[in-house]
N, C-alpha and C. Protein backbone atom coordinates (compact mmCIF):
# COMPACT_ATOMS: atom_id res chain seq x y z
N MET A 1 41.77 -45.87 72.04
CA MET A 1 41.00 -44.91 71.26
C MET A 1 39.75 -44.93 70.97
N ASN A 2 38.95 -43.67 70.83
CA ASN A 2 37.34 -43.80 70.64
C ASN A 2 37.26 -43.93 69.08
N ILE A 3 36.20 -44.24 68.65
CA ILE A 3 36.07 -44.21 67.43
C ILE A 3 36.03 -42.80 66.34
N LYS A 4 35.52 -41.77 67.35
CA LYS A 4 35.58 -40.64 66.71
C LYS A 4 36.96 -39.97 66.39
N LYS A 5 37.91 -40.27 67.34
CA LYS A 5 39.35 -39.79 67.16
C LYS A 5 39.75 -40.69 66.02
N MET A 6 39.73 -42.18 66.08
CA MET A 6 39.96 -42.74 65.00
C MET A 6 39.53 -42.25 63.54
N SER A 7 38.26 -42.16 63.25
CA SER A 7 37.86 -41.80 62.21
C SER A 7 38.60 -40.21 61.59
N THR A 8 38.64 -39.59 62.79
CA THR A 8 39.42 -38.06 62.43
C THR A 8 40.95 -38.29 61.86
N ILE A 9 41.45 -39.27 62.36
CA ILE A 9 42.77 -39.70 62.07
C ILE A 9 42.96 -40.28 60.75
N TYR A 10 41.87 -41.13 60.36
CA TYR A 10 41.76 -41.78 59.02
C TYR A 10 41.53 -40.50 57.96
N PHE A 11 40.64 -39.55 58.27
CA PHE A 11 40.05 -38.52 57.49
C PHE A 11 41.35 -37.63 57.10
N ILE A 12 42.07 -37.34 58.11
CA ILE A 12 43.24 -36.35 57.92
C ILE A 12 44.39 -37.14 57.27
N THR A 13 44.59 -38.44 57.44
CA THR A 13 45.50 -39.19 56.74
C THR A 13 45.01 -39.40 55.35
N GLY A 14 44.14 -39.63 54.88
CA GLY A 14 43.42 -39.68 53.75
C GLY A 14 43.49 -38.44 52.83
N VAL A 15 43.03 -37.37 53.49
CA VAL A 15 43.32 -36.02 52.84
C VAL A 15 44.70 -35.66 52.53
N THR A 16 45.49 -35.89 53.63
CA THR A 16 47.04 -35.62 53.32
C THR A 16 47.60 -36.43 52.23
N ILE A 17 47.08 -37.70 51.89
CA ILE A 17 47.81 -38.56 50.95
C ILE A 17 47.11 -38.28 49.72
N THR A 18 45.65 -37.67 49.50
CA THR A 18 45.35 -37.29 48.50
C THR A 18 46.07 -35.80 48.00
N MET A 19 46.11 -34.99 49.00
CA MET A 19 46.84 -33.70 48.53
C MET A 19 48.38 -33.88 47.94
N ILE A 20 49.09 -35.00 48.69
CA ILE A 20 50.50 -35.17 48.17
C ILE A 20 50.20 -35.82 46.69
N SER A 21 49.74 -36.74 46.81
CA SER A 21 49.50 -37.43 45.40
C SER A 21 49.20 -36.29 44.27
N GLY A 22 47.91 -35.73 44.41
CA GLY A 22 47.53 -34.50 43.69
C GLY A 22 48.59 -33.68 43.07
N CYS A 23 49.27 -33.20 44.05
CA CYS A 23 50.55 -32.27 43.77
C CYS A 23 51.45 -32.77 43.01
N PHE A 24 52.00 -34.17 43.26
CA PHE A 24 53.06 -34.84 42.83
C PHE A 24 52.74 -35.14 41.35
N SER A 25 51.53 -35.45 40.92
CA SER A 25 51.10 -35.79 39.61
C SER A 25 51.11 -34.77 38.71
N SER A 26 50.54 -33.53 39.20
CA SER A 26 50.64 -32.15 38.44
C SER A 26 51.85 -31.79 38.20
N LYS A 27 53.12 -32.03 38.78
CA LYS A 27 54.41 -31.85 38.53
C LYS A 27 55.30 -32.80 37.58
N ILE A 28 54.55 -34.06 37.49
CA ILE A 28 55.41 -34.91 36.54
C ILE A 28 55.80 -34.28 35.12
N TYR A 29 54.78 -33.94 34.23
CA TYR A 29 55.11 -33.13 33.02
C TYR A 29 53.99 -32.31 32.89
N PRO A 30 53.96 -31.23 33.50
CA PRO A 30 52.60 -30.17 33.34
C PRO A 30 52.82 -29.81 31.74
N GLN A 31 52.06 -29.69 31.20
CA GLN A 31 52.00 -29.70 29.54
C GLN A 31 52.08 -28.00 29.32
N SER A 32 51.22 -27.31 30.25
CA SER A 32 51.27 -25.96 30.01
C SER A 32 53.01 -25.30 30.17
N ASP A 33 53.60 -25.97 31.02
CA ASP A 33 54.99 -25.39 31.31
C ASP A 33 56.06 -25.93 30.33
N ARG A 34 55.95 -27.02 29.68
CA ARG A 34 56.72 -28.03 29.17
C ARG A 34 56.79 -27.63 27.63
N ASP A 35 55.81 -27.24 27.22
CA ASP A 35 55.64 -27.15 25.73
C ASP A 35 55.30 -25.51 25.33
N LYS A 36 56.00 -24.77 26.07
CA LYS A 36 56.01 -23.23 25.44
C LYS A 36 56.30 -22.93 24.31
N THR A 37 55.38 -22.71 23.27
CA THR A 37 55.78 -22.55 21.82
C THR A 37 55.43 -21.19 21.29
N THR A 38 55.85 -20.71 20.40
CA THR A 38 55.50 -19.61 19.62
C THR A 38 55.98 -20.07 18.07
N LYS A 39 54.75 -20.44 17.42
CA LYS A 39 55.18 -20.89 16.15
C LYS A 39 56.22 -22.00 15.93
N ASN A 40 57.41 -21.62 15.37
CA ASN A 40 58.33 -22.72 15.24
C ASN A 40 59.44 -22.41 16.06
N ASN A 41 59.36 -21.78 17.21
CA ASN A 41 60.29 -21.11 17.91
C ASN A 41 60.07 -21.98 19.41
N HIS A 42 60.80 -22.80 20.00
CA HIS A 42 60.42 -23.43 21.18
C HIS A 42 61.50 -23.20 22.22
N ILE A 43 61.04 -22.98 23.56
CA ILE A 43 61.89 -22.72 24.67
C ILE A 43 61.73 -24.07 25.59
N PHE A 44 62.75 -24.34 26.38
CA PHE A 44 62.68 -25.51 27.36
C PHE A 44 63.08 -24.79 28.65
N PRO A 45 62.06 -25.46 29.82
CA PRO A 45 62.64 -24.96 31.00
C PRO A 45 63.88 -25.97 31.58
N ASN A 46 64.31 -25.55 32.64
CA ASN A 46 65.32 -26.36 33.15
C ASN A 46 64.94 -27.98 33.32
N LYS A 47 65.85 -28.88 32.98
CA LYS A 47 65.89 -30.10 33.23
C LYS A 47 65.23 -30.53 34.44
N GLU A 48 64.09 -31.29 34.41
CA GLU A 48 63.20 -31.59 35.87
C GLU A 48 63.83 -33.12 36.30
N LYS A 49 63.83 -33.43 37.58
CA LYS A 49 64.00 -34.72 38.11
C LYS A 49 63.25 -35.65 37.22
N LYS A 50 63.82 -36.95 36.72
CA LYS A 50 62.78 -37.90 36.41
C LYS A 50 61.77 -38.58 37.33
N PRO A 51 60.67 -38.74 36.95
CA PRO A 51 59.71 -39.27 37.81
C PRO A 51 59.96 -40.81 38.15
N SER A 52 59.31 -41.26 39.10
CA SER A 52 59.56 -42.73 39.31
C SER A 52 58.67 -43.42 37.97
N ILE A 53 59.05 -44.62 38.13
CA ILE A 53 58.43 -45.63 37.17
C ILE A 53 56.94 -45.71 37.09
N SER A 54 56.48 -45.79 38.67
CA SER A 54 55.11 -46.00 38.66
C SER A 54 54.45 -44.69 38.17
N SER A 55 54.94 -43.53 38.52
CA SER A 55 54.39 -42.06 37.98
C SER A 55 54.38 -42.05 36.61
N VAL A 56 55.36 -42.53 35.84
CA VAL A 56 55.32 -42.57 34.51
C VAL A 56 54.27 -43.41 33.81
N THR A 57 53.95 -44.42 34.45
CA THR A 57 53.04 -45.71 33.87
C THR A 57 51.70 -44.89 34.11
N GLY A 58 51.43 -44.30 35.30
CA GLY A 58 50.35 -43.55 35.59
C GLY A 58 50.03 -42.48 34.51
N LEU A 59 50.91 -41.70 34.35
CA LEU A 59 50.77 -40.61 33.41
C LEU A 59 50.27 -41.01 31.85
N GLN A 60 51.48 -42.25 31.40
CA GLN A 60 51.08 -42.72 30.30
C GLN A 60 49.38 -43.23 30.34
N GLU A 61 49.08 -44.04 31.44
CA GLU A 61 47.84 -44.49 31.25
C GLU A 61 46.68 -43.33 31.29
N LYS A 62 47.06 -41.98 31.83
CA LYS A 62 46.11 -40.98 31.74
C LYS A 62 46.20 -40.50 30.34
N LEU A 63 47.38 -40.42 29.91
CA LEU A 63 47.44 -39.86 28.49
C LEU A 63 46.73 -40.72 27.43
N LEU A 64 47.03 -42.10 27.53
CA LEU A 64 46.21 -43.16 26.82
C LEU A 64 44.62 -42.76 26.76
N GLU A 65 44.19 -42.60 27.82
CA GLU A 65 42.95 -42.26 28.09
C GLU A 65 42.32 -41.18 27.08
N THR A 66 43.25 -40.18 26.98
CA THR A 66 43.01 -38.87 26.45
C THR A 66 43.23 -39.20 25.03
N SER A 67 43.81 -40.04 24.76
CA SER A 67 44.11 -40.25 23.16
C SER A 67 42.69 -40.24 22.49
N SER A 68 41.77 -41.02 23.10
CA SER A 68 40.62 -41.24 22.54
C SER A 68 39.64 -39.81 22.14
N LYS A 69 40.22 -38.97 22.72
CA LYS A 69 39.72 -37.51 22.57
C LYS A 69 40.61 -36.99 21.47
N GLY A 70 41.44 -37.38 20.95
CA GLY A 70 42.45 -36.92 19.73
C GLY A 70 43.39 -35.91 20.32
N LYS A 71 43.68 -35.95 21.47
CA LYS A 71 44.80 -35.28 22.30
C LYS A 71 46.38 -35.72 22.25
N VAL A 72 46.42 -36.81 22.03
CA VAL A 72 47.85 -37.48 22.07
C VAL A 72 47.75 -38.46 20.86
N VAL A 73 48.98 -38.94 20.54
CA VAL A 73 49.26 -40.05 19.61
C VAL A 73 50.40 -40.78 20.34
N SER A 74 50.59 -42.32 19.50
CA SER A 74 51.70 -42.97 19.90
C SER A 74 52.79 -42.66 18.95
N ALA A 75 54.12 -42.64 19.27
CA ALA A 75 55.10 -42.68 18.37
C ALA A 75 56.39 -43.39 19.09
N THR A 76 57.39 -43.69 18.25
CA THR A 76 58.49 -44.34 18.59
C THR A 76 59.61 -43.27 18.94
N LEU A 77 60.32 -43.30 19.96
CA LEU A 77 61.42 -42.58 20.25
C LEU A 77 62.77 -43.30 20.08
N TYR A 78 63.83 -43.10 19.62
CA TYR A 78 64.90 -43.74 19.71
C TYR A 78 65.79 -43.14 20.57
N THR A 79 66.54 -43.59 21.41
CA THR A 79 67.49 -43.09 22.32
C THR A 79 68.81 -44.01 22.36
N SER A 80 69.70 -43.51 22.69
CA SER A 80 71.04 -44.06 22.65
C SER A 80 71.23 -45.06 23.95
N ASP A 81 71.97 -46.27 23.69
CA ASP A 81 72.27 -47.07 24.74
C ASP A 81 73.53 -46.41 25.51
N PRO A 82 73.76 -46.95 26.80
CA PRO A 82 74.90 -46.27 27.56
C PRO A 82 76.05 -46.27 27.13
N GLN A 83 76.40 -47.21 26.08
CA GLN A 83 77.66 -47.20 25.30
C GLN A 83 77.70 -46.54 24.06
N CYS A 84 76.59 -45.78 23.76
CA CYS A 84 76.49 -45.02 22.33
C CYS A 84 76.90 -45.92 21.03
N GLN A 85 76.33 -47.07 21.23
CA GLN A 85 76.39 -48.20 20.14
C GLN A 85 75.41 -48.27 19.30
N LYS A 86 74.09 -48.24 19.79
CA LYS A 86 73.06 -48.21 18.91
C LYS A 86 71.73 -47.51 19.63
N LEU A 87 70.68 -47.43 18.75
CA LEU A 87 69.45 -46.75 19.39
C LEU A 87 68.58 -47.63 19.63
N ILE A 88 67.81 -47.30 20.82
CA ILE A 88 66.94 -48.22 21.41
C ILE A 88 65.42 -47.59 21.37
N PRO A 89 64.65 -48.29 20.43
CA PRO A 89 63.02 -47.83 20.46
C PRO A 89 62.65 -48.00 21.53
N LYS A 90 61.48 -46.87 21.69
CA LYS A 90 60.68 -47.01 22.87
C LYS A 90 59.37 -46.19 22.42
N LYS A 91 58.29 -46.97 22.61
CA LYS A 91 57.02 -46.26 22.47
C LYS A 91 56.47 -45.46 23.30
N VAL A 92 56.09 -44.15 23.03
CA VAL A 92 55.63 -43.00 23.93
C VAL A 92 54.32 -42.41 23.38
N VAL A 93 53.64 -41.71 24.20
CA VAL A 93 52.41 -40.97 23.85
C VAL A 93 52.89 -39.57 23.84
N ILE A 94 52.84 -38.86 22.80
CA ILE A 94 53.00 -37.38 22.39
C ILE A 94 51.85 -36.59 22.06
N SER A 95 51.80 -35.26 22.18
CA SER A 95 50.88 -34.40 21.85
C SER A 95 50.50 -34.61 20.43
N ALA A 96 49.44 -34.71 20.11
CA ALA A 96 48.75 -34.88 18.86
C ALA A 96 48.68 -33.81 17.88
N GLU A 97 48.90 -32.61 18.49
CA GLU A 97 48.61 -31.39 17.86
C GLU A 97 49.85 -31.01 17.21
N LYS A 98 51.11 -31.20 17.73
CA LYS A 98 52.20 -31.03 17.12
C LYS A 98 53.18 -32.30 17.22
N PRO A 99 53.00 -33.23 16.76
CA PRO A 99 53.94 -34.62 17.10
C PRO A 99 55.21 -34.61 16.92
N ILE A 100 55.63 -33.79 15.99
CA ILE A 100 57.03 -33.59 15.64
C ILE A 100 57.75 -32.88 16.46
N ASN A 101 57.29 -31.77 17.03
CA ASN A 101 57.63 -30.81 17.84
C ASN A 101 57.80 -31.38 19.19
N ALA A 102 56.71 -32.25 19.66
CA ALA A 102 56.72 -32.90 20.87
C ALA A 102 57.92 -33.98 20.93
N ALA A 103 58.16 -34.88 19.99
CA ALA A 103 59.23 -35.72 20.01
C ALA A 103 60.56 -34.92 19.93
N ILE A 104 60.68 -33.86 19.16
CA ILE A 104 62.06 -33.39 19.15
C ILE A 104 62.28 -32.62 20.75
N ALA A 105 61.51 -32.18 21.17
CA ALA A 105 61.29 -31.67 22.69
C ALA A 105 61.73 -32.62 23.70
N ARG A 106 61.14 -33.97 23.54
CA ARG A 106 61.33 -34.79 24.56
C ARG A 106 62.60 -35.42 24.29
N ILE A 107 63.25 -35.37 23.22
CA ILE A 107 64.65 -35.94 23.24
C ILE A 107 65.63 -34.87 23.59
N ILE A 108 65.54 -33.79 23.22
CA ILE A 108 66.41 -32.66 23.66
C ILE A 108 66.31 -32.47 25.33
N ARG A 109 65.29 -32.68 25.80
CA ARG A 109 65.21 -32.41 27.23
C ARG A 109 65.95 -33.60 28.01
N GLN A 110 66.01 -34.94 27.26
CA GLN A 110 66.57 -35.94 27.83
C GLN A 110 68.16 -35.88 27.54
N GLN A 111 68.89 -34.91 26.76
CA GLN A 111 70.09 -34.94 26.29
C GLN A 111 70.65 -33.45 27.17
N ASN A 112 69.93 -32.62 27.77
CA ASN A 112 70.33 -31.58 28.74
C ASN A 112 71.21 -32.46 29.80
N SER A 113 72.24 -31.64 30.36
CA SER A 113 73.03 -32.09 31.54
C SER A 113 73.42 -30.98 32.25
N LYS A 114 74.03 -30.98 33.23
CA LYS A 114 74.46 -30.08 34.28
C LYS A 114 75.24 -29.07 33.53
N ASP A 115 75.95 -29.40 32.42
CA ASP A 115 77.18 -28.46 31.80
C ASP A 115 76.76 -28.30 30.50
N PHE A 116 75.86 -28.82 29.89
CA PHE A 116 75.42 -28.57 28.48
C PHE A 116 73.74 -28.45 28.40
N SER A 117 73.24 -27.31 27.92
CA SER A 117 71.66 -27.43 27.84
C SER A 117 71.38 -26.62 26.68
N LEU A 118 70.37 -27.03 25.92
CA LEU A 118 69.78 -26.23 24.63
C LEU A 118 68.49 -25.61 25.44
N SER A 119 68.35 -24.49 24.98
CA SER A 119 67.28 -23.50 25.56
C SER A 119 66.19 -23.59 24.59
N GLY A 120 66.40 -24.01 23.15
CA GLY A 120 65.25 -23.91 22.25
C GLY A 120 65.75 -24.52 20.94
N TYR A 121 64.78 -24.28 20.11
CA TYR A 121 65.12 -24.70 18.54
C TYR A 121 64.12 -24.21 17.63
N ARG A 122 64.29 -24.23 16.30
CA ARG A 122 63.26 -23.67 15.26
C ARG A 122 63.38 -24.66 14.25
N THR A 123 62.22 -24.94 13.68
CA THR A 123 62.14 -26.00 12.59
C THR A 123 61.87 -25.50 11.45
N SER A 124 62.15 -25.76 10.33
CA SER A 124 61.44 -25.60 8.80
C SER A 124 61.64 -26.81 8.05
N MET A 125 60.88 -27.02 7.35
CA MET A 125 60.43 -28.27 6.45
C MET A 125 60.63 -27.88 5.05
N ASN A 126 61.06 -28.56 4.09
CA ASN A 126 61.28 -28.42 2.73
C ASN A 126 61.53 -29.31 1.85
N ASN A 127 60.40 -29.75 1.08
CA ASN A 127 60.71 -31.03 0.38
C ASN A 127 61.21 -32.34 0.92
N GLY A 128 60.30 -32.56 2.19
CA GLY A 128 60.81 -33.86 3.06
C GLY A 128 62.05 -33.80 3.89
N THR A 129 62.74 -32.48 3.86
CA THR A 129 63.79 -32.43 4.86
C THR A 129 63.49 -31.39 5.75
N LEU A 130 63.94 -31.95 7.07
CA LEU A 130 63.19 -31.15 8.35
C LEU A 130 64.82 -30.56 8.63
N THR A 131 64.68 -29.13 8.82
CA THR A 131 65.86 -28.58 9.40
C THR A 131 65.71 -28.02 10.93
N ILE A 132 66.51 -28.66 11.82
CA ILE A 132 66.31 -27.96 13.08
C ILE A 132 67.36 -27.23 13.38
N ASP A 133 67.05 -26.09 13.71
CA ASP A 133 68.23 -24.88 14.23
C ASP A 133 68.16 -24.92 15.65
N LEU A 134 69.20 -25.19 16.48
CA LEU A 134 69.33 -25.38 17.91
C LEU A 134 69.80 -24.15 18.38
N ARG A 135 69.49 -23.85 19.67
CA ARG A 135 69.85 -22.93 20.60
C ARG A 135 70.43 -23.41 21.68
N VAL A 136 71.56 -23.12 22.03
CA VAL A 136 72.28 -23.58 23.32
C VAL A 136 71.94 -22.07 24.25
N ALA A 137 71.65 -22.94 25.39
CA ALA A 137 71.23 -21.91 26.58
C ALA A 137 72.48 -21.03 26.68
N PRO A 138 72.08 -19.76 27.09
CA PRO A 138 73.06 -18.71 27.44
C PRO A 138 73.84 -19.10 28.72
N LYS A 139 73.74 -19.78 29.54
CA LYS A 139 74.17 -20.36 30.66
C LYS A 139 74.80 -21.52 30.63
N SER A 140 74.80 -22.20 29.44
CA SER A 140 75.44 -23.39 29.29
C SER A 140 76.84 -23.38 29.34
N LYS A 141 77.51 -24.34 29.90
CA LYS A 141 79.21 -24.16 30.12
C LYS A 141 79.78 -24.63 29.12
N ARG A 142 78.87 -25.46 28.11
CA ARG A 142 79.74 -26.21 27.13
C ARG A 142 78.65 -25.85 25.76
N GLN A 143 79.32 -25.77 24.69
CA GLN A 143 78.78 -25.80 23.35
C GLN A 143 78.47 -26.87 22.55
N ILE A 144 77.81 -26.87 21.69
CA ILE A 144 77.71 -28.21 20.65
C ILE A 144 79.10 -28.52 20.14
N ILE A 145 79.82 -27.75 19.75
CA ILE A 145 81.33 -28.24 19.36
C ILE A 145 81.97 -28.98 20.34
N SER A 146 81.84 -28.91 21.63
CA SER A 146 82.55 -29.65 22.72
C SER A 146 81.95 -30.76 23.02
N LEU A 147 80.66 -31.23 22.30
CA LEU A 147 80.06 -32.48 22.67
C LEU A 147 81.13 -33.86 22.36
N SER A 148 81.02 -34.77 23.20
CA SER A 148 81.77 -35.90 22.82
C SER A 148 81.16 -36.78 21.61
N SER A 149 81.83 -37.74 21.01
CA SER A 149 81.47 -38.22 20.06
C SER A 149 79.86 -39.13 20.34
N CYS A 150 80.21 -39.61 21.60
CA CYS A 150 78.85 -40.30 22.44
C CYS A 150 77.63 -39.21 22.51
N GLU A 151 78.02 -38.21 22.84
CA GLU A 151 76.88 -37.22 23.17
C GLU A 151 76.24 -36.75 21.93
N GLN A 152 77.36 -36.29 20.78
CA GLN A 152 76.63 -36.20 19.57
C GLN A 152 75.82 -37.22 18.94
N PHE A 153 76.48 -38.40 19.16
CA PHE A 153 75.45 -39.67 18.81
C PHE A 153 74.04 -39.68 19.39
N ALA A 154 74.10 -39.67 20.75
CA ALA A 154 72.90 -39.54 21.64
C ALA A 154 71.85 -38.37 21.03
N LEU A 155 72.38 -37.45 20.87
CA LEU A 155 71.63 -36.14 20.42
C LEU A 155 71.02 -36.21 18.88
N PHE A 156 72.06 -36.12 18.11
CA PHE A 156 71.68 -36.11 16.64
C PHE A 156 71.22 -37.33 16.04
N SER A 157 71.68 -38.63 16.34
CA SER A 157 71.29 -39.73 15.83
C SER A 157 69.85 -40.07 16.39
N SER A 158 69.55 -39.75 17.66
CA SER A 158 68.33 -40.14 18.24
C SER A 158 67.44 -39.16 17.69
N LEU A 159 67.48 -37.81 17.27
CA LEU A 159 66.37 -36.93 16.73
C LEU A 159 66.32 -37.50 15.22
N ARG A 160 67.47 -37.62 14.67
CA ARG A 160 67.24 -38.12 13.05
C ARG A 160 66.50 -39.63 12.94
N LYS A 161 66.84 -40.49 13.59
CA LYS A 161 65.99 -41.68 13.32
C LYS A 161 64.58 -41.57 13.96
N THR A 162 64.28 -40.95 15.07
CA THR A 162 63.03 -40.72 15.57
C THR A 162 62.36 -40.04 14.70
N LEU A 163 62.78 -39.02 14.05
CA LEU A 163 62.07 -38.26 12.86
C LEU A 163 61.83 -39.09 11.87
N ILE A 164 62.53 -39.75 11.17
CA ILE A 164 62.50 -40.29 9.75
C ILE A 164 61.67 -41.46 10.09
N ASN A 165 61.76 -42.13 11.16
CA ASN A 165 61.29 -43.56 11.22
C ASN A 165 59.62 -43.32 11.77
N ASN A 166 59.39 -42.55 12.09
CA ASN A 166 57.82 -42.01 12.45
C ASN A 166 57.04 -41.90 11.20
N ASN A 167 55.85 -41.73 10.96
CA ASN A 167 55.27 -41.43 9.89
C ASN A 167 54.85 -39.98 9.60
N TRP A 168 55.85 -39.42 9.54
CA TRP A 168 55.80 -37.67 9.27
C TRP A 168 56.15 -37.36 8.25
N ASN A 169 56.34 -38.02 7.18
CA ASN A 169 57.08 -37.68 5.91
C ASN A 169 58.41 -36.97 5.99
N ILE A 170 59.22 -37.24 6.47
CA ILE A 170 60.42 -37.00 6.67
C ILE A 170 61.56 -37.77 6.27
N LYS A 171 62.37 -37.23 5.23
CA LYS A 171 63.23 -38.20 4.43
C LYS A 171 64.52 -37.93 5.11
N LYS A 172 64.76 -36.60 5.50
CA LYS A 172 66.02 -36.40 5.74
C LYS A 172 66.03 -35.05 7.06
N VAL A 173 67.04 -35.30 7.89
CA VAL A 173 67.11 -34.26 9.04
C VAL A 173 68.44 -33.51 8.87
N ASP A 174 68.51 -32.27 8.82
CA ASP A 174 69.55 -31.23 8.93
C ASP A 174 69.53 -30.51 10.11
N PHE A 175 71.04 -30.17 10.80
CA PHE A 175 70.98 -29.50 11.95
C PHE A 175 71.81 -27.97 11.62
N LYS A 176 71.19 -27.03 12.32
CA LYS A 176 72.07 -25.81 12.54
C LYS A 176 71.97 -25.32 13.66
N GLN A 177 72.90 -24.41 13.97
CA GLN A 177 73.03 -23.68 15.28
C GLN A 177 73.06 -22.21 14.96
N LEU A 178 71.81 -21.46 15.19
CA LEU A 178 71.80 -20.11 14.82
C LEU A 178 72.16 -19.80 13.48
N GLY A 179 71.44 -20.73 12.64
CA GLY A 179 71.52 -20.58 11.20
C GLY A 179 72.71 -21.21 10.58
N GLN A 180 73.85 -21.66 11.25
CA GLN A 180 74.95 -22.14 10.63
C GLN A 180 74.94 -23.57 10.58
N GLU A 181 75.28 -24.22 9.42
CA GLU A 181 74.90 -25.57 9.57
C GLU A 181 76.03 -26.47 10.33
N ILE A 182 75.62 -27.36 11.08
CA ILE A 182 76.52 -28.15 12.05
C ILE A 182 76.92 -29.37 11.12
N ILE A 183 78.10 -29.70 11.22
CA ILE A 183 78.78 -30.61 10.26
C ILE A 183 78.98 -31.83 11.26
N LEU A 184 78.48 -32.84 11.12
CA LEU A 184 78.62 -34.02 12.06
C LEU A 184 79.86 -35.23 11.42
């Protein structure tokens, strides 16, 4: 093959790889689509496929670079182990603008499944007590009451421990569904 054809092939290959990687990275966690909020009313899109580990690492590095500009902060999210026996801490970077809402959104997103999903929530704070009023998605096949004890632990305990154990001045977390208290 002559040099001109080889350089054309390398150029096309390079452009293709750049285009693919650029498209992929913009779909990992596009902020504009993920955190649609209006005051304290939050809506979530359908659960997306989890990105590969290398993609998450690259995204976190990018977010950490942005943190020097004041756009993200580090927080500890607590999620359930597979046996629902304990909560496992994990350091993550989240939006600095509304860190409480970003943490809640990330945990809720992890708990959505094929037959159970939350479409949003509302929050209110009163004397150190944060109330989260959950909204089950209209097309969800299951309701909060039908969650197993393991699923309840994964959702409610994760939210409670994450919110109380970060420095957000939250002493207690209460849960409601459409204004009605959820008794756990």
